[in-house]
């Protein structure tokens, strides 16, 4: 299965989407992408900042 990446995962909508997906998608297939990624979750958190495009390249790679 492909991984699902949620951009803006620390915002109100993004965090709600991540929480809903966390109930239905295996943790290894879920990636929360934000400027302030949390690492204390069962799913991956990656840095992704639209003001720093190089972080987006890394965030969306497998």
C-alpha atoms as a PDB file:
ATOM      1  CA  UNK A   1       0.000   0.000   0.000  1.00  0.00           C
ATOM      2  CA  UNK A   2       1.114   3.551  -0.635  1.00  0.00           C
ATOM      3  CA  UNK A   3       1.701   5.953   2.224  1.00  0.00           C
ATOM      4  CA  UNK A   4      -0.758   8.748   2.870  1.00  0.00           C
ATOM      5  CA  UNK A   5       0.813  12.139   3.589  1.00  0.00           C
ATOM      6  CA  UNK A   6      -1.279  14.861   5.199  1.00  0.00           C
ATOM      7  CA  UNK A   7       0.032  18.384   4.724  1.00  0.00           C
ATOM      8  CA  UNK A   8      -0.764  20.956   7.405  1.00  0.00           C
ATOM      9  CA  UNK A   9      -1.086  18.171   9.954  1.00  0.00           C
ATOM     10  CA  UNK A  10      -0.621  20.447  12.965  1.00  0.00           C
ATOM     11  CA  UNK A  11      -3.507  22.729  12.012  1.00  0.00           C
ATOM     12  CA  UNK A  12      -7.117  22.323  13.021  1.00  0.00           C
ATOM     13  CA  UNK A  13      -8.317  20.616   9.835  1.00  0.00           C
ATOM     14  CA  UNK A  14      -5.097  18.709   9.169  1.00  0.00           C
ATOM     15  CA  UNK A  15      -4.942  17.261  12.661  1.00  0.00           C
ATOM     16  CA  UNK A  16      -8.581  16.155  12.422  1.00  0.00           C
ATOM     17  CA  UNK A  17      -7.828  14.431   9.101  1.00  0.00           C
ATOM     18  CA  UNK A  18      -4.786  12.697  10.576  1.00  0.00           C
ATOM     19  CA  UNK A  19      -6.775  11.512  13.606  1.00  0.00           C
ATOM     20  CA  UNK A  20      -9.544  10.123  11.388  1.00  0.00           C
ATOM     21  CA  UNK A  21      -7.033   8.359   9.150  1.00  0.00           C
ATOM     22  CA  UNK A  22      -5.169   6.974  12.171  1.00  0.00           C
ATOM     23  CA  UNK A  23      -8.323   5.020  13.032  1.00  0.00           C
ATOM     24  CA  UNK A  24      -8.532   3.357   9.615  1.00  0.00           C
ATOM     25  CA  UNK A  25      -5.011   3.296   8.144  1.00  0.00           C
ATOM     26  CA  UNK A  26      -2.040   1.336   9.462  1.00  0.00           C
ATOM     27  CA  UNK A  27       0.386   3.642  11.296  1.00  0.00           C
ATOM     28  CA  UNK A  28       3.263   2.735   8.974  1.00  0.00           C
ATOM     29  CA  UNK A  29       1.223   4.069   6.038  1.00  0.00           C
ATOM     30  CA  UNK A  30       0.395   7.464   7.573  1.00  0.00           C
ATOM     31  CA  UNK A  31       2.684  10.505   7.515  1.00  0.00           C
ATOM     32  CA  UNK A  32       1.797  13.811   9.200  1.00  0.00           C
ATOM     33  CA  UNK A  33       3.582  16.716   7.494  1.00  0.00           C
ATOM     34  CA  UNK A  34       3.862  20.128   9.162  1.00  0.00           C
ATOM     35  CA  UNK A  35       6.202  22.920  10.205  1.00  0.00           C
ATOM     36  CA  UNK A  36       6.097  21.522  13.739  1.00  0.00           C
ATOM     37  CA  UNK A  37       6.041  17.733  13.378  1.00  0.00           C
ATOM     38  CA  UNK A  38       5.425  15.683  16.490  1.00  0.00           C
ATOM     39  CA  UNK A  39       7.453  12.536  16.935  1.00  0.00           C
ATOM     40  CA  UNK A  40       5.587  11.026  19.872  1.00  0.00           C
ATOM     41  CA  UNK A  41       2.903   9.440  17.700  1.00  0.00           C
ATOM     42  CA  UNK A  42       2.551   5.938  16.328  1.00  0.00           C
ATOM     43  CA  UNK A  43       2.629   7.373  12.791  1.00  0.00           C
ATOM     44  CA  UNK A  44       5.495   9.317  11.223  1.00  0.00           C
ATOM     45  CA  UNK A  45       5.834  13.071  11.580  1.00  0.00           C
ATOM     46  CA  UNK A  46       7.894  14.934   8.980  1.00  0.00           C
ATOM     47  CA  UNK A  47       8.992  18.530   8.593  1.00  0.00           C
ATOM     48  CA  UNK A  48       7.346  20.298   5.662  1.00  0.00           C
ATOM     49  CA  UNK A  49       7.290  24.091   5.383  1.00  0.00           C
ATOM     50  CA  UNK A  50       5.969  25.861   2.286  1.00  0.00           C
ATOM     51  CA  UNK A  51       8.389  28.722   2.962  1.00  0.00           C
ATOM     52  CA  UNK A  52      11.292  26.252   2.781  1.00  0.00           C
ATOM     53  CA  UNK A  53      10.662  24.228  -0.364  1.00  0.00           C
ATOM     54  CA  UNK A  54      13.572  21.862   0.258  1.00  0.00           C
ATOM     55  CA  UNK A  55      11.721  20.509   3.318  1.00  0.00           C
ATOM     56  CA  UNK A  56       8.743  19.580   1.147  1.00  0.00           C
ATOM     57  CA  UNK A  57      10.902  17.521  -1.193  1.00  0.00           C
ATOM     58  CA  UNK A  58      12.179  15.468   1.738  1.00  0.00           C
ATOM     59  CA  UNK A  59       8.746  15.235   3.403  1.00  0.00           C
ATOM     60  CA  UNK A  60       7.054  13.709   0.381  1.00  0.00           C
ATOM     61  CA  UNK A  61       9.720  11.142  -0.433  1.00  0.00           C
ATOM     62  CA  UNK A  62       9.295   7.568   0.733  1.00  0.00           C
END
